[in-house]
Amino acid sequence: MQVLFDNNVDWRFAKLLVGHEVKATFTLSWAEYKNGSLLSASEEYGFPVMITADKQMRHQQNMSGSTISVLVLNSILTDYPGIAPLADQVLETLETLPQGKIIVIEPKS
C-alpha cells in the first residue's frame, strides 16, 4: 500500500513499515501544504493513507466524503525512538484500513 508521511514523521519510521511503499511530503515538494490542502493533494495523488504526528489533526479535519484515512501517531515523543514502538500497531491498522477515517495510534499500556 502507498503510505504518505507528513512532514512531522521521522523518515526512519518507513523502514519499519515492511511491505508498504512510503513517500514523504518533502520528497513530493509538498512541504508548504498544511492540513486540509495536504489531505486534498494526497487524495488527488491516490494515497489511501497519511501518517502524521499532528495530534490536533483529529480535531481540525472533517473526513466525511474523504477516501484517504489518517493515522495519528500519539506518542509523547515524536522522534524515531518515540514512534518506533507504534510500528506493529500501524501495520495491523493498515491491514484493515477503513476509508475516510482518522485513527489514533497510541502506545499500548
PDB file of N, CA and C in Angstrom:
ATOM      1  N   MET A   1       0.834  -1.173   0.000  1.00  0.00           N
ATOM      2  CA  MET A   1       0.000   0.000   0.000  1.00  0.00           C
ATOM      3  C   MET A   1       0.884   1.243   0.000  1.00  0.00           C
ATOM      4  N   GLN A   2       0.449   2.255  -0.710  1.00  0.00           N
ATOM      5  CA  GLN A   2       1.168   3.526  -0.689  1.00  0.00           C
ATOM      6  C   GLN A   2       0.806   4.293   0.575  1.00  0.00           C
ATOM      7  N   VAL A   3       1.820   4.770   1.276  1.00  0.00           N
ATOM      8  CA  VAL A   3       1.656   5.487   2.530  1.00  0.00           C
ATOM      9  C   VAL A   3       2.371   6.826   2.395  1.00  0.00           C
ATOM     10  N   LEU A   4       1.709   7.885   2.834  1.00  0.00           N
ATOM     11  CA  LEU A   4       2.328   9.213   2.820  1.00  0.00           C
ATOM     12  C   LEU A   4       2.668   9.612   4.247  1.00  0.00           C
ATOM     13  N   PHE A   5       3.907  10.067   4.447  1.00  0.00           N
ATOM     14  CA  PHE A   5       4.329  10.613   5.735  1.00  0.00           C
ATOM     15  C   PHE A   5       4.190  12.120   5.707  1.00  0.00           C
ATOM     16  N   ASP A   6       3.577  12.673   6.736  1.00  0.00           N
ATOM     17  CA  ASP A   6       3.533  14.112   6.940  1.00  0.00           C
ATOM     18  C   ASP A   6       4.953  14.591   7.283  1.00  0.00           C
ATOM     19  N   ASN A   7       5.166  15.892   7.203  1.00  0.00           N
ATOM     20  CA  ASN A   7       6.484  16.467   7.494  1.00  0.00           C
ATOM     21  C   ASN A   7       6.996  16.126   8.888  1.00  0.00           C
ATOM     22  N   ASN A   8       6.096  15.879   9.822  1.00  0.00           N
ATOM     23  CA  ASN A   8       6.495  15.683  11.212  1.00  0.00           C
ATOM     24  C   ASN A   8       6.780  14.224  11.580  1.00  0.00           C
ATOM     25  N   VAL A   9       6.790  13.333  10.607  1.00  0.00           N
ATOM     26  CA  VAL A   9       7.082  11.920  10.878  1.00  0.00           C
ATOM     27  C   VAL A   9       8.520  11.629  10.452  1.00  0.00           C
ATOM     28  N   ASP A  10       9.293  11.126  11.383  1.00  0.00           N
ATOM     29  CA  ASP A  10      10.697  10.802  11.125  1.00  0.00           C
ATOM     30  C   ASP A  10      10.782   9.773  10.001  1.00  0.00           C
ATOM     31  N   TRP A  11      11.536  10.093   8.975  1.00  0.00           N
ATOM     32  CA  TRP A  11      11.651   9.254   7.785  1.00  0.00           C
ATOM     33  C   TRP A  11      12.127   7.844   8.112  1.00  0.00           C
ATOM     34  N   ARG A  12      12.913   7.677   9.174  1.00  0.00           N
ATOM     35  CA  ARG A  12      13.429   6.344   9.539  1.00  0.00           C
ATOM     36  C   ARG A  12      12.308   5.370   9.896  1.00  0.00           C
ATOM     37  N   PHE A  13      11.136   5.885  10.271  1.00  0.00           N
ATOM     38  CA  PHE A  13       9.989   5.033  10.604  1.00  0.00           C
ATOM     39  C   PHE A  13       9.554   4.207   9.396  1.00  0.00           C
ATOM     40  N   ALA A  14       9.840   4.690   8.195  1.00  0.00           N
ATOM     41  CA  ALA A  14       9.440   3.992   6.967  1.00  0.00           C
ATOM     42  C   ALA A  14      10.028   2.589   6.884  1.00  0.00           C
ATOM     43  N   LYS A  15      11.240   2.412   7.373  1.00  0.00           N
ATOM     44  CA  LYS A  15      11.870   1.087   7.272  1.00  0.00           C
ATOM     45  C   LYS A  15      11.138   0.037   8.105  1.00  0.00           C
ATOM     46  N   LEU A  16      10.313   0.475   9.059  1.00  0.00           N
ATOM     47  CA  LEU A  16       9.552  -0.450   9.890  1.00  0.00           C
ATOM     48  C   LEU A  16       8.240  -0.869   9.246  1.00  0.00           C
ATOM     49  N   LEU A  17       7.847  -0.187   8.193  1.00  0.00           N
ATOM     50  CA  LEU A  17       6.580  -0.491   7.514  1.00  0.00           C
ATOM     51  C   LEU A  17       6.836  -1.406   6.325  1.00  0.00           C
ATOM     52  N   VAL A  18       7.361  -2.558   6.616  1.00  0.00           N
ATOM     53  CA  VAL A  18       7.747  -3.549   5.611  1.00  0.00           C
ATOM     54  C   VAL A  18       6.533  -3.927   4.764  1.00  0.00           C
ATOM     55  N   GLY A  19       6.738  -3.947   3.455  1.00  0.00           N
ATOM     56  CA  GLY A  19       5.676  -4.326   2.527  1.00  0.00           C
ATOM     57  C   GLY A  19       4.852  -3.156   2.036  1.00  0.00           C
ATOM     58  N   HIS A  20       5.194  -1.946   2.463  1.00  0.00           N
ATOM     59  CA  HIS A  20       4.452  -0.757   2.045  1.00  0.00           C
ATOM     60  C   HIS A  20       5.393   0.224   1.351  1.00  0.00           C
ATOM     61  N   GLU A  21       4.856   0.945   0.390  1.00  0.00           N
ATOM     62  CA  GLU A  21       5.631   1.954  -0.330  1.00  0.00           C
ATOM     63  C   GLU A  21       5.384   3.301   0.347  1.00  0.00           C
ATOM     64  N   VAL A  22       6.434   3.818   0.976  1.00  0.00           N
ATOM     65  CA  VAL A  22       6.299   5.044   1.753  1.00  0.00           C
ATOM     66  C   VAL A  22       6.920   6.216   1.009  1.00  0.00           C
ATOM     67  N   LYS A  23       6.169   7.310   0.954  1.00  0.00           N
ATOM     68  CA  LYS A  23       6.672   8.565   0.409  1.00  0.00           C
ATOM     69  C   LYS A  23       6.473   9.628   1.474  1.00  0.00           C
ATOM     70  N   ALA A  24       7.324  10.628   1.454  1.00  0.00           N
ATOM     71  CA  ALA A  24       7.224  11.724   2.416  1.00  0.00           C
ATOM     72  C   ALA A  24       6.829  12.997   1.693  1.00  0.00           C
ATOM     73  N   THR A  25       6.135  13.860   2.399  1.00  0.00           N
ATOM     74  CA  THR A  25       5.695  15.111   1.782  1.00  0.00           C
ATOM     75  C   THR A  25       6.875  15.900   1.231  1.00  0.00           C
ATOM     76  N   PHE A  26       8.018  15.854   1.919  1.00  0.00           N
ATOM     77  CA  PHE A  26       9.159  16.626   1.436  1.00  0.00           C
ATOM     78  C   PHE A  26       9.724  16.073   0.132  1.00  0.00           C
ATOM     79  N   THR A  27       9.583  14.773  -0.113  1.00  0.00           N
ATOM     80  CA  THR A  27      10.093  14.218  -1.376  1.00  0.00           C
ATOM     81  C   THR A  27       9.170  14.554  -2.542  1.00  0.00           C
ATOM     82  N   LEU A  28       7.926  14.920  -2.235  1.00  0.00           N
ATOM     83  CA  LEU A  28       6.963  15.297  -3.267  1.00  0.00           C
ATOM     84  C   LEU A  28       6.878  16.814  -3.417  1.00  0.00           C
ATOM     85  N   SER A  29       7.734  17.536  -2.701  1.00  0.00           N
ATOM     86  CA  SER A  29       7.730  19.010  -2.680  1.00  0.00           C
ATOM     87  C   SER A  29       6.395  19.551  -2.179  1.00  0.00           C
ATOM     88  N   TRP A  30       5.830  18.888  -1.195  1.00  0.00           N
ATOM     89  CA  TRP A  30       4.569  19.296  -0.601  1.00  0.00           C
ATOM     90  C   TRP A  30       4.755  19.898   0.786  1.00  0.00           C
ATOM     91  N   ALA A  31       5.957  20.323   1.118  1.00  0.00           N
ATOM     92  CA  ALA A  31       6.236  20.839   2.458  1.00  0.00           C
ATOM     93  C   ALA A  31       5.378  22.050   2.801  1.00  0.00           C
ATOM     94  N   GLU A  32       4.974  22.803   1.800  1.00  0.00           N
ATOM     95  CA  GLU A  32       4.183  24.010   2.060  1.00  0.00           C
ATOM     96  C   GLU A  32       2.707  23.705   2.328  1.00  0.00           C
ATOM     97  N   TYR A  33       2.251  22.501   1.977  1.00  0.00           N
ATOM     98  CA  TYR A  33       0.848  22.150   2.214  1.00  0.00           C
ATOM     99  C   TYR A  33       0.616  21.868   3.697  1.00  0.00           C
ATOM    100  N   LYS A  34      -0.496  22.336   4.191  1.00  0.00           N
ATOM    101  CA  LYS A  34      -0.865  22.108   5.589  1.00  0.00           C
ATOM    102  C   LYS A  34      -2.261  21.509   5.637  1.00  0.00           C
ATOM    103  N   ASN A  35      -2.498  20.655   6.591  1.00  0.00           N
ATOM    104  CA  ASN A  35      -3.789  20.049   6.928  1.00  0.00           C
ATOM    105  C   ASN A  35      -4.722  19.807   5.753  1.00  0.00           C
ATOM    106  N   GLY A  36      -5.754  20.629   5.570  1.00  0.00           N
ATOM    107  CA  GLY A  36      -6.769  20.378   4.545  1.00  0.00           C
ATOM    108  C   GLY A  36      -6.212  20.319   3.139  1.00  0.00           C
ATOM    109  N   SER A  37      -5.320  21.249   2.797  1.00  0.00           N
ATOM    110  CA  SER A  37      -4.754  21.232   1.445  1.00  0.00           C
ATOM    111  C   SER A  37      -3.845  20.028   1.246  1.00  0.00           C
ATOM    112  N   LEU A  38      -3.186  19.591   2.304  1.00  0.00           N
ATOM    113  CA  LEU A  38      -2.340  18.398   2.216  1.00  0.00           C
ATOM    114  C   LEU A  38      -3.202  17.153   2.008  1.00  0.00           C
ATOM    115  N   LEU A  39      -4.306  17.063   2.728  1.00  0.00           N
ATOM    116  CA  LEU A  39      -5.200  15.919   2.552  1.00  0.00           C
ATOM    117  C   LEU A  39      -5.793  15.902   1.144  1.00  0.00           C
ATOM    118  N   SER A  40      -6.181  17.054   0.631  1.00  0.00           N
ATOM    119  CA  SER A  40      -6.731  17.132  -0.725  1.00  0.00           C
ATOM    120  C   SER A  40      -5.708  16.683  -1.762  1.00  0.00           C
ATOM    121  N   ALA A  41      -4.481  17.182  -1.649  1.00  0.00           N
ATOM    122  CA  ALA A  41      -3.428  16.796  -2.592  1.00  0.00           C
ATOM    123  C   ALA A  41      -3.143  15.301  -2.495  1.00  0.00           C
ATOM    124  N   SER A  42      -3.151  14.774  -1.292  1.00  0.00           N
ATOM    125  CA  SER A  42      -2.884  13.350  -1.070  1.00  0.00           C
ATOM    126  C   SER A  42      -3.950  12.478  -1.713  1.00  0.00           C
ATOM    127  N   GLU A  43      -5.204  12.892  -1.590  1.00  0.00           N
ATOM    128  CA  GLU A  43      -6.304  12.150  -2.221  1.00  0.00           C
ATOM    129  C   GLU A  43      -6.187  12.204  -3.738  1.00  0.00           C
ATOM    130  N   GLU A  44      -5.894  13.386  -4.266  1.00  0.00           N
ATOM    131  CA  GLU A  44      -5.760  13.533  -5.718  1.00  0.00           C
ATOM    132  C   GLU A  44      -4.626  12.668  -6.259  1.00  0.00           C
ATOM    133  N   TYR A  45      -3.559  12.523  -5.497  1.00  0.00           N
ATOM    134  CA  TYR A  45      -2.416  11.707  -5.890  1.00  0.00           C
ATOM    135  C   TYR A  45      -2.747  10.218  -5.787  1.00  0.00           C
ATOM    136  N   GLY A  46      -3.759   9.890  -4.984  1.00  0.00           N
ATOM    137  CA  GLY A  46      -4.179   8.495  -4.862  1.00  0.00           C
ATOM    138  C   GLY A  46      -3.714   7.773  -3.615  1.00  0.00           C
ATOM    139  N   PHE A  47      -3.197   8.508  -2.649  1.00  0.00           N
ATOM    140  CA  PHE A  47      -2.775   7.860  -1.409  1.00  0.00           C
ATOM    141  C   PHE A  47      -4.006   7.403  -0.619  1.00  0.00           C
ATOM    142  N   PRO A  48      -4.013   6.167  -0.138  1.00  0.00           N
ATOM    143  CA  PRO A  48      -5.118   5.715   0.704  1.00  0.00           C
ATOM    144  C   PRO A  48      -4.948   6.131   2.163  1.00  0.00           C
ATOM    145  N   VAL A  49      -3.695   6.489   2.553  1.00  0.00           N
ATOM    146  CA  VAL A  49      -3.433   6.798   3.961  1.00  0.00           C
ATOM    147  C   VAL A  49      -2.270   7.774   4.105  1.00  0.00           C
ATOM    148  N   MET A  50      -2.403   8.627   5.108  1.00  0.00           N
ATOM    149  CA  MET A  50      -1.319   9.522   5.502  1.00  0.00           C
ATOM    150  C   MET A  50      -1.049   9.277   6.978  1.00  0.00           C
ATOM    151  N   ILE A  51       0.221   9.281   7.337  1.00  0.00           N
ATOM    152  CA  ILE A  51       0.612   9.129   8.735  1.00  0.00           C
ATOM    153  C   ILE A  51       1.182  10.456   9.206  1.00  0.00           C
ATOM    154  N   THR A  52       0.698  10.901  10.366  1.00  0.00           N
ATOM    155  CA  THR A  52       1.127  12.174  10.919  1.00  0.00           C
ATOM    156  C   THR A  52       1.365  12.050  12.417  1.00  0.00           C
ATOM    157  N   ALA A  53       2.129  12.971  12.959  1.00  0.00           N
ATOM    158  CA  ALA A  53       2.303  13.074  14.410  1.00  0.00           C
ATOM    159  C   ALA A  53       1.551  14.296  14.935  1.00  0.00           C
ATOM    160  N   ASP A  54       0.750  14.924  14.080  1.00  0.00           N
ATOM    161  CA  ASP A  54      -0.030  16.109  14.446  1.00  0.00           C
ATOM    162  C   ASP A  54      -1.263  15.671  15.244  1.00  0.00           C
ATOM    163  N   LYS A  55      -1.170  15.751  16.553  1.00  0.00           N
ATOM    164  CA  LYS A  55      -2.244  15.287  17.434  1.00  0.00           C
ATOM    165  C   LYS A  55      -3.511  16.124  17.315  1.00  0.00           C
ATOM    166  N   GLN A  56      -3.403  17.327  16.788  1.00  0.00           N
ATOM    167  CA  GLN A  56      -4.564  18.202  16.646  1.00  0.00           C
ATOM    168  C   GLN A  56      -5.369  17.913  15.381  1.00  0.00           C
ATOM    169  N   MET A  57      -4.796  17.184  14.435  1.00  0.00           N
ATOM    170  CA  MET A  57      -5.476  16.958  13.161  1.00  0.00           C
ATOM    171  C   MET A  57      -6.851  16.317  13.354  1.00  0.00           C
ATOM    172  N   ARG A  58      -6.974  15.442  14.311  1.00  0.00           N
ATOM    173  CA  ARG A  58      -8.258  14.766  14.524  1.00  0.00           C
ATOM    174  C   ARG A  58      -9.354  15.736  14.956  1.00  0.00           C
ATOM    175  N   HIS A  59      -8.969  16.880  15.498  1.00  0.00           N
ATOM    176  CA  HIS A  59      -9.943  17.883  15.914  1.00  0.00           C
ATOM    177  C   HIS A  59     -10.165  18.954  14.847  1.00  0.00           C
ATOM    178  N   GLN A  60      -9.294  18.985  13.841  1.00  0.00           N
ATOM    179  CA  GLN A  60      -9.320  20.052  12.852  1.00  0.00           C
ATOM    180  C   GLN A  60      -9.923  19.643  11.515  1.00  0.00           C
ATOM    181  N   GLN A  61     -10.045  18.349  11.254  1.00  0.00           N
ATOM    182  CA  GLN A  61     -10.460  17.906   9.928  1.00  0.00           C
ATOM    183  C   GLN A  61     -11.779  17.147   9.956  1.00  0.00           C
ATOM    184  N   ASN A  62     -12.601  17.427   8.991  1.00  0.00           N
ATOM    185  CA  ASN A  62     -13.837  16.687   8.776  1.00  0.00           C
ATOM    186  C   ASN A  62     -13.555  15.707   7.642  1.00  0.00           C
ATOM    187  N   MET A  63     -13.615  14.437   7.927  1.00  0.00           N
ATOM    188  CA  MET A  63     -13.236  13.423   6.951  1.00  0.00           C
ATOM    189  C   MET A  63     -14.422  12.881   6.146  1.00  0.00           C
ATOM    190  N   SER A  64     -15.620  13.407   6.365  1.00  0.00           N
ATOM    191  CA  SER A  64     -16.770  12.892   5.623  1.00  0.00           C
ATOM    192  C   SER A  64     -16.563  13.103   4.129  1.00  0.00           C
ATOM    193  N   GLY A  65     -16.789  12.054   3.392  1.00  0.00           N
ATOM    194  CA  GLY A  65     -16.608  12.095   1.947  1.00  0.00           C
ATOM    195  C   GLY A  65     -15.175  11.880   1.486  1.00  0.00           C
ATOM    196  N   SER A  66     -14.247  11.730   2.411  1.00  0.00           N
ATOM    197  CA  SER A  66     -12.841  11.526   2.047  1.00  0.00           C
ATOM    198  C   SER A  66     -12.577  10.065   1.702  1.00  0.00           C
ATOM    199  N   THR A  67     -11.639   9.855   0.815  1.00  0.00           N
ATOM    200  CA  THR A  67     -11.200   8.499   0.510  1.00  0.00           C
ATOM    201  C   THR A  67      -9.919   8.160   1.253  1.00  0.00           C
ATOM    202  N   ILE A  68      -9.186   9.178   1.686  1.00  0.00           N
ATOM    203  CA  ILE A  68      -7.932   8.957   2.406  1.00  0.00           C
ATOM    204  C   ILE A  68      -8.219   8.825   3.896  1.00  0.00           C
ATOM    205  N   SER A  69      -7.447   7.990   4.556  1.00  0.00           N
ATOM    206  CA  SER A  69      -7.509   7.878   6.005  1.00  0.00           C
ATOM    207  C   SER A  69      -6.237   8.467   6.585  1.00  0.00           C
ATOM    208  N   VAL A  70      -6.303   8.856   7.847  1.00  0.00           N
ATOM    209  CA  VAL A  70      -5.154   9.452   8.525  1.00  0.00           C
ATOM    210  C   VAL A  70      -4.863   8.654   9.780  1.00  0.00           C
ATOM    211  N   LEU A  71      -3.614   8.255   9.933  1.00  0.00           N
ATOM    212  CA  LEU A  71      -3.171   7.611  11.164  1.00  0.00           C
ATOM    213  C   LEU A  71      -2.383   8.646  11.953  1.00  0.00           C
ATOM    214  N   VAL A  72      -2.828   8.922  13.159  1.00  0.00           N
ATOM    215  CA  VAL A  72      -2.165   9.889  14.035  1.00  0.00           C
ATOM    216  C   VAL A  72      -1.329   9.124  15.042  1.00  0.00           C
ATOM    217  N   LEU A  73      -0.018   9.355  15.031  1.00  0.00           N
ATOM    218  CA  LEU A  73       0.880   8.715  15.987  1.00  0.00           C
ATOM    219  C   LEU A  73       0.853   9.539  17.264  1.00  0.00           C
ATOM    220  N   ASN A  74       0.228   9.010  18.288  1.00  0.00           N
ATOM    221  CA  ASN A  74       0.024   9.742  19.536  1.00  0.00           C
ATOM    222  C   ASN A  74       0.983   9.224  20.597  1.00  0.00           C
ATOM    223  N   SER A  75       2.242   9.590  20.454  1.00  0.00           N
ATOM    224  CA  SER A  75       3.236   9.210  21.455  1.00  0.00           C
ATOM    225  C   SER A  75       3.747  10.484  22.113  1.00  0.00           C
ATOM    226  N   ILE A  76       4.331  10.335  23.276  1.00  0.00           N
ATOM    227  CA  ILE A  76       4.840  11.508  23.997  1.00  0.00           C
ATOM    228  C   ILE A  76       5.938  12.177  23.188  1.00  0.00           C
ATOM    229  N   LEU A  77       6.864  11.391  22.678  1.00  0.00           N
ATOM    230  CA  LEU A  77       7.943  11.922  21.852  1.00  0.00           C
ATOM    231  C   LEU A  77       7.656  11.574  20.394  1.00  0.00           C
ATOM    232  N   THR A  78       7.899  12.495  19.494  1.00  0.00           N
ATOM    233  CA  THR A  78       7.609  12.247  18.083  1.00  0.00           C
ATOM    234  C   THR A  78       8.864  11.961  17.265  1.00  0.00           C
ATOM    235  N   ASP A  79       9.999  11.788  17.940  1.00  0.00           N
ATOM    236  CA  ASP A  79      11.211  11.409  17.219  1.00  0.00           C
ATOM    237  C   ASP A  79      11.172   9.902  16.952  1.00  0.00           C
ATOM    238  N   TYR A  80      12.153   9.401  16.236  1.00  0.00           N
ATOM    239  CA  TYR A  80      12.151   7.989  15.859  1.00  0.00           C
ATOM    240  C   TYR A  80      12.023   7.048  17.062  1.00  0.00           C
ATOM    241  N   PRO A  81      12.846   7.215  18.125  1.00  0.00           N
ATOM    242  CA  PRO A  81      12.690   6.307  19.267  1.00  0.00           C
ATOM    243  C   PRO A  81      11.304   6.388  19.914  1.00  0.00           C
ATOM    244  N   GLY A  82      10.652   7.524  19.807  1.00  0.00           N
ATOM    245  CA  GLY A  82       9.329   7.684  20.392  1.00  0.00           C
ATOM    246  C   GLY A  82       8.221   7.017  19.598  1.00  0.00           C
ATOM    247  N   ILE A  83       8.358   6.997  18.263  1.00  0.00           N
ATOM    248  CA  ILE A  83       7.292   6.420  17.437  1.00  0.00           C
ATOM    249  C   ILE A  83       7.569   4.985  16.991  1.00  0.00           C
ATOM    250  N   ALA A  84       8.814   4.548  17.034  1.00  0.00           N
ATOM    251  CA  ALA A  84       9.154   3.189  16.582  1.00  0.00           C
ATOM    252  C   ALA A  84       8.324   2.102  17.263  1.00  0.00           C
ATOM    253  N   PRO A  85       8.032   2.205  18.570  1.00  0.00           N
ATOM    254  CA  PRO A  85       7.220   1.163  19.209  1.00  0.00           C
ATOM    255  C   PRO A  85       5.782   1.068  18.676  1.00  0.00           C
ATOM    256  N   LEU A  86       5.347   2.057  17.906  1.00  0.00           N
ATOM    257  CA  LEU A  86       3.992   2.043  17.353  1.00  0.00           C
ATOM    258  C   LEU A  86       3.911   1.312  16.009  1.00  0.00           C
ATOM    259  N   ALA A  87       5.035   0.867  15.481  1.00  0.00           N
ATOM    260  CA  ALA A  87       5.072   0.281  14.139  1.00  0.00           C
ATOM    261  C   ALA A  87       4.160  -0.937  13.986  1.00  0.00           C
ATOM    262  N   ASP A  88       4.161  -1.835  14.956  1.00  0.00           N
ATOM    263  CA  ASP A  88       3.313  -3.033  14.846  1.00  0.00           C
ATOM    264  C   ASP A  88       1.837  -2.663  14.772  1.00  0.00           C
ATOM    265  N   GLN A  89       1.421  -1.689  15.585  1.00  0.00           N
ATOM    266  CA  GLN A  89       0.031  -1.244  15.557  1.00  0.00           C
ATOM    267  C   GLN A  89      -0.311  -0.582  14.221  1.00  0.00           C
ATOM    268  N   VAL A  90       0.620   0.178  13.693  1.00  0.00           N
ATOM    269  CA  VAL A  90       0.401   0.811  12.385  1.00  0.00           C
ATOM    270  C   VAL A  90       0.228  -0.267  11.325  1.00  0.00           C
ATOM    271  N   LEU A  91       1.091  -1.266  11.331  1.00  0.00           N
ATOM    272  CA  LEU A  91       0.996  -2.349  10.349  1.00  0.00           C
ATOM    273  C   LEU A  91      -0.335  -3.093  10.466  1.00  0.00           C
ATOM    274  N   GLU A  92      -0.776  -3.361  11.670  1.00  0.00           N
ATOM    275  CA  GLU A  92      -2.067  -4.028  11.878  1.00  0.00           C
ATOM    276  C   GLU A  92      -3.214  -3.166  11.344  1.00  0.00           C
ATOM    277  N   THR A  93      -3.151  -1.880  11.604  1.00  0.00           N
ATOM    278  CA  THR A  93      -4.201  -0.963  11.159  1.00  0.00           C
ATOM    279  C   THR A  93      -4.235  -0.871   9.639  1.00  0.00           C
ATOM    280  N   LEU A  94      -3.069  -0.874   9.009  1.00  0.00           N
ATOM    281  CA  LEU A  94      -3.009  -0.792   7.541  1.00  0.00           C
ATOM    282  C   LEU A  94      -3.661  -2.009   6.883  1.00  0.00           C
ATOM    283  N   GLU A  95      -3.643  -3.147   7.566  1.00  0.00           N
ATOM    284  CA  GLU A  95      -4.249  -4.365   7.007  1.00  0.00           C
ATOM    285  C   GLU A  95      -5.759  -4.260   6.877  1.00  0.00           C
ATOM    286  N   THR A  96      -6.392  -3.518   7.763  1.00  0.00           N
ATOM    287  CA  THR A  96      -7.852  -3.408   7.763  1.00  0.00           C
ATOM    288  C   THR A  96      -8.282  -1.949   7.726  1.00  0.00           C
ATOM    289  N   LEU A  97      -7.586  -1.152   6.983  1.00  0.00           N
ATOM    290  CA  LEU A  97      -7.776   0.295   6.962  1.00  0.00           C
ATOM    291  C   LEU A  97      -9.163   0.687   6.454  1.00  0.00           C
ATOM    292  N   PRO A  98      -9.954   1.354   7.292  1.00  0.00           N
ATOM    293  CA  PRO A  98     -11.235   1.868   6.802  1.00  0.00           C
ATOM    294  C   PRO A  98     -10.987   3.132   5.982  1.00  0.00           C
ATOM    295  N   GLN A  99     -11.884   3.439   5.087  1.00  0.00           N
ATOM    296  CA  GLN A  99     -11.732   4.595   4.208  1.00  0.00           C
ATOM    297  C   GLN A  99     -12.280   5.859   4.878  1.00  0.00           C
ATOM    298  N   GLY A 100     -11.519   6.961   4.751  1.00  0.00           N
ATOM    299  CA  GLY A 100     -12.001   8.247   5.207  1.00  0.00           C
ATOM    300  C   GLY A 100     -12.103   8.422   6.713  1.00  0.00           C
ATOM    301  N   LYS A 101     -11.189   7.831   7.450  1.00  0.00           N
ATOM    302  CA  LYS A 101     -11.227   7.910   8.914  1.00  0.00           C
ATOM    303  C   LYS A 101      -9.921   8.479   9.457  1.00  0.00           C
ATOM    304  N   ILE A 102     -10.005   9.049  10.640  1.00  0.00           N
ATOM    305  CA  ILE A 102      -8.811   9.424  11.403  1.00  0.00           C
ATOM    306  C   ILE A 102      -8.702   8.415  12.531  1.00  0.00           C
ATOM    307  N   ILE A 103      -7.565   7.739  12.587  1.00  0.00           N
ATOM    308  CA  ILE A 103      -7.344   6.675  13.567  1.00  0.00           C
ATOM    309  C   ILE A 103      -6.124   7.065  14.410  1.00  0.00           C
ATOM    310  N   VAL A 104      -6.285   7.071  15.698  1.00  0.00           N
ATOM    311  CA  VAL A 104      -5.204   7.419  16.617  1.00  0.00           C
ATOM    312  C   VAL A 104      -4.508   6.144  17.057  1.00  0.00           C
ATOM    313  N   ILE A 105      -3.180   6.139  16.882  1.00  0.00           N
ATOM    314  CA  ILE A 105      -2.354   5.004  17.287  1.00  0.00           C
ATOM    315  C   ILE A 105      -1.594   5.437  18.535  1.00  0.00           C
ATOM    316  N   GLU A 106      -1.870   4.740  19.645  1.00  0.00           N
ATOM    317  CA  GLU A 106      -1.258   5.095  20.917  1.00  0.00           C
ATOM    318  C   GLU A 106      -0.445   3.924  21.459  1.00  0.00           C
ATOM    319  N   PRO A 107       0.553   4.250  22.279  1.00  0.00           N
ATOM    320  CA  PRO A 107       1.327   3.162  22.899  1.00  0.00           C
ATOM    321  C   PRO A 107       0.409   2.267  23.736  1.00  0.00           C
ATOM    322  N   LYS A 108       0.660   0.980  23.674  1.00  0.00           N
ATOM    323  CA  LYS A 108      -0.108   0.039  24.493  1.00  0.00           C
ATOM    324  C   LYS A 108       0.370   0.161  25.927  1.00  0.00           C
ATOM    325  N   SER A 109      -0.583   0.133  26.826  1.00  0.00           N
ATOM    326  CA  SER A 109      -0.177   0.255  28.240  1.00  0.00           C
ATOM    327  C   SER A 109      -0.117  -1.083  28.917  1.00  0.00           C
TER     328      SER A 109
END
